[in-house]
């Protein structure tokens, strides 16, 4: 997997963060090998800002970090 990103970021306008009472714009970075959240950023981040991370833009869909179906 050389040269492949080892992290994936999910960014959107409606992210439910711990302790927050309303969804907010945020970006969650996940290590794709372990499945663990490694970083949480308030506000949206782009691929240019997160070098080497594959960024998925969820737009206005709700993101719930840590929710497991």
N, C-alpha and C. Protein backbone atom coordinates (compact mmCIF):
# COMPACT_ATOMS: atom_id res chain seq x y z
N UNK A 1 0.82 -1.18 0.00
CA UNK A 1 0.00 0.00 0.00
C UNK A 1 0.87 1.25 0.00
N UNK A 2 2.08 1.14 -0.48
CA UNK A 2 3.00 2.28 -0.52
C UNK A 2 2.42 3.39 -1.39
N UNK A 3 2.53 4.61 -0.90
CA UNK A 3 2.03 5.76 -1.64
C UNK A 3 0.55 6.02 -1.48
N UNK A 4 -0.17 5.09 -0.89
CA UNK A 4 -1.60 5.24 -0.66
C UNK A 4 -1.81 6.00 0.65
N UNK A 5 -2.84 6.87 0.72
CA UNK A 5 -3.15 7.54 1.99
C UNK A 5 -3.51 6.51 3.07
N UNK A 6 -3.05 6.74 4.28
CA UNK A 6 -3.38 5.85 5.39
C UNK A 6 -4.49 6.44 6.25
N UNK A 7 -4.91 7.65 5.89
CA UNK A 7 -5.99 8.30 6.63
C UNK A 7 -7.05 8.79 5.66
N UNK A 8 -8.27 8.84 6.16
CA UNK A 8 -9.40 9.35 5.37
C UNK A 8 -10.11 10.37 6.24
N UNK A 9 -10.50 11.49 5.64
CA UNK A 9 -11.20 12.55 6.36
C UNK A 9 -12.62 12.67 5.83
N UNK A 10 -13.54 12.89 6.73
CA UNK A 10 -14.94 13.13 6.41
C UNK A 10 -15.27 14.54 6.86
N UNK A 11 -15.68 15.38 5.92
CA UNK A 11 -15.97 16.77 6.24
C UNK A 11 -17.39 17.09 5.83
N UNK A 12 -18.02 17.97 6.58
CA UNK A 12 -19.39 18.33 6.27
C UNK A 12 -19.89 19.49 7.10
N UNK A 13 -21.09 19.93 6.75
CA UNK A 13 -21.71 21.05 7.45
C UNK A 13 -22.51 20.64 8.68
N UNK A 14 -22.80 19.32 8.81
CA UNK A 14 -23.66 18.86 9.91
C UNK A 14 -23.01 17.67 10.60
N UNK A 15 -22.01 17.96 11.43
CA UNK A 15 -21.29 16.93 12.17
C UNK A 15 -21.71 17.03 13.64
N UNK A 16 -22.10 15.91 14.22
CA UNK A 16 -22.49 15.88 15.63
C UNK A 16 -21.24 15.56 16.44
N UNK A 17 -20.78 16.52 17.23
CA UNK A 17 -19.58 16.36 18.04
C UNK A 17 -19.96 16.11 19.50
N UNK A 18 -19.11 15.40 20.24
CA UNK A 18 -19.39 15.16 21.66
C UNK A 18 -19.59 16.48 22.40
N UNK A 19 -20.63 16.54 23.21
CA UNK A 19 -20.90 17.73 24.01
C UNK A 19 -21.64 18.82 23.26
N UNK A 20 -21.77 18.67 21.96
CA UNK A 20 -22.48 19.67 21.18
C UNK A 20 -23.97 19.38 21.17
N UNK A 21 -24.78 20.43 21.18
CA UNK A 21 -26.22 20.22 21.17
C UNK A 21 -26.81 20.34 19.77
N UNK A 22 -26.01 20.85 18.82
CA UNK A 22 -26.45 21.00 17.44
C UNK A 22 -25.33 20.56 16.50
N UNK A 23 -25.67 19.99 15.35
CA UNK A 23 -24.63 19.67 14.37
C UNK A 23 -23.92 20.96 13.92
N UNK A 24 -22.64 20.84 13.63
CA UNK A 24 -21.83 21.98 13.23
C UNK A 24 -20.87 21.56 12.12
N UNK A 25 -20.31 22.51 11.41
CA UNK A 25 -19.31 22.20 10.39
C UNK A 25 -18.05 21.67 11.07
N UNK A 26 -17.56 20.53 10.59
CA UNK A 26 -16.37 19.92 11.18
C UNK A 26 -15.78 18.91 10.22
N UNK A 27 -14.57 18.45 10.57
CA UNK A 27 -13.87 17.42 9.79
C UNK A 27 -13.33 16.38 10.76
N UNK A 28 -13.59 15.11 10.44
CA UNK A 28 -13.14 13.98 11.26
C UNK A 28 -12.13 13.19 10.44
N UNK A 29 -10.94 12.92 11.00
CA UNK A 29 -9.92 12.15 10.31
C UNK A 29 -9.83 10.76 10.95
N UNK A 30 -9.84 9.72 10.10
CA UNK A 30 -9.84 8.34 10.56
C UNK A 30 -8.64 7.60 9.97
N UNK A 31 -7.94 6.84 10.81
CA UNK A 31 -6.88 5.95 10.33
C UNK A 31 -7.56 4.75 9.70
N UNK A 32 -7.36 4.52 8.41
CA UNK A 32 -8.11 3.46 7.73
C UNK A 32 -7.60 2.06 8.06
N UNK A 33 -6.43 1.95 8.67
CA UNK A 33 -5.93 0.64 9.07
C UNK A 33 -6.50 0.20 10.41
N UNK A 34 -6.69 1.15 11.32
CA UNK A 34 -7.21 0.81 12.65
C UNK A 34 -8.69 1.12 12.79
N UNK A 35 -9.21 2.02 11.94
CA UNK A 35 -10.60 2.45 12.04
C UNK A 35 -10.83 3.44 13.16
N UNK A 36 -9.78 3.95 13.76
CA UNK A 36 -9.91 4.89 14.88
C UNK A 36 -9.84 6.33 14.41
N UNK A 37 -10.60 7.18 15.10
CA UNK A 37 -10.57 8.62 14.84
C UNK A 37 -9.24 9.15 15.37
N UNK A 38 -8.50 9.88 14.52
CA UNK A 38 -7.21 10.42 14.94
C UNK A 38 -7.24 11.92 15.17
N UNK A 39 -8.14 12.62 14.49
CA UNK A 39 -8.22 14.08 14.62
C UNK A 39 -9.65 14.54 14.41
N UNK A 40 -10.01 15.61 15.12
CA UNK A 40 -11.30 16.27 14.94
C UNK A 40 -11.02 17.77 14.80
N UNK A 41 -11.48 18.35 13.70
CA UNK A 41 -11.30 19.77 13.45
C UNK A 41 -12.65 20.46 13.42
N UNK A 42 -12.78 21.56 14.13
CA UNK A 42 -13.97 22.38 14.01
C UNK A 42 -13.85 23.13 12.69
N UNK A 43 -14.89 23.10 11.90
CA UNK A 43 -14.85 23.71 10.57
C UNK A 43 -14.44 22.69 9.52
N UNK A 44 -14.77 23.01 8.30
CA UNK A 44 -14.45 22.12 7.18
C UNK A 44 -12.98 22.25 6.80
N UNK A 45 -12.36 21.14 6.40
CA UNK A 45 -10.98 21.13 5.91
C UNK A 45 -10.97 20.55 4.51
N UNK A 46 -10.08 21.06 3.67
CA UNK A 46 -9.97 20.58 2.29
C UNK A 46 -8.78 19.64 2.16
N UNK A 47 -8.70 18.97 1.01
CA UNK A 47 -7.56 18.08 0.74
C UNK A 47 -6.26 18.87 0.73
N UNK A 48 -6.31 20.14 0.30
CA UNK A 48 -5.11 20.98 0.31
C UNK A 48 -4.61 21.23 1.73
N UNK A 49 -5.54 21.34 2.67
CA UNK A 49 -5.16 21.57 4.07
C UNK A 49 -4.70 20.31 4.77
N UNK A 50 -5.18 19.16 4.31
CA UNK A 50 -4.85 17.89 4.94
C UNK A 50 -4.00 17.05 3.97
N UNK A 51 -2.77 17.46 3.79
CA UNK A 51 -1.88 16.81 2.84
C UNK A 51 -1.78 15.30 3.09
N UNK A 52 -1.94 14.51 2.04
CA UNK A 52 -1.80 13.06 2.14
C UNK A 52 -3.00 12.34 2.72
N UNK A 53 -4.12 13.06 2.88
CA UNK A 53 -5.34 12.47 3.43
C UNK A 53 -6.42 12.52 2.35
N UNK A 54 -7.09 11.40 2.13
CA UNK A 54 -8.21 11.36 1.18
C UNK A 54 -9.43 11.99 1.88
N UNK A 55 -9.97 13.08 1.32
CA UNK A 55 -11.07 13.80 1.94
C UNK A 55 -12.38 13.48 1.23
N UNK A 56 -13.38 13.10 2.02
CA UNK A 56 -14.73 12.83 1.51
C UNK A 56 -15.64 13.94 2.03
N UNK A 57 -16.28 14.65 1.11
CA UNK A 57 -17.17 15.76 1.48
C UNK A 57 -18.59 15.23 1.57
N UNK A 58 -19.15 15.25 2.78
CA UNK A 58 -20.51 14.76 3.00
C UNK A 58 -21.56 15.84 2.78
N UNK A 59 -21.12 17.05 2.43
CA UNK A 59 -22.07 18.13 2.18
C UNK A 59 -22.94 18.42 3.39
N UNK A 60 -24.26 18.33 3.21
CA UNK A 60 -25.17 18.61 4.32
C UNK A 60 -25.71 17.34 4.98
N UNK A 61 -25.15 16.18 4.63
CA UNK A 61 -25.54 14.94 5.31
C UNK A 61 -24.99 14.95 6.73
N UNK A 62 -25.65 14.26 7.63
CA UNK A 62 -25.20 14.23 9.04
C UNK A 62 -24.09 13.20 9.22
N UNK A 63 -23.03 13.61 9.93
CA UNK A 63 -21.93 12.72 10.29
C UNK A 63 -21.96 12.55 11.80
N UNK A 64 -21.96 11.29 12.26
CA UNK A 64 -21.91 10.98 13.69
C UNK A 64 -20.67 10.18 13.97
N UNK A 65 -19.54 10.83 14.32
CA UNK A 65 -18.30 10.11 14.56
C UNK A 65 -18.45 9.11 15.70
N UNK A 66 -17.94 7.91 15.47
CA UNK A 66 -17.97 6.88 16.50
C UNK A 66 -19.22 6.02 16.50
N UNK A 67 -20.24 6.37 15.73
CA UNK A 67 -21.44 5.57 15.67
C UNK A 67 -21.15 4.29 14.89
N UNK A 68 -21.47 3.16 15.47
CA UNK A 68 -21.27 1.87 14.82
C UNK A 68 -22.62 1.21 14.66
N UNK A 69 -22.94 0.82 13.41
CA UNK A 69 -24.21 0.15 13.16
C UNK A 69 -24.12 -1.30 13.55
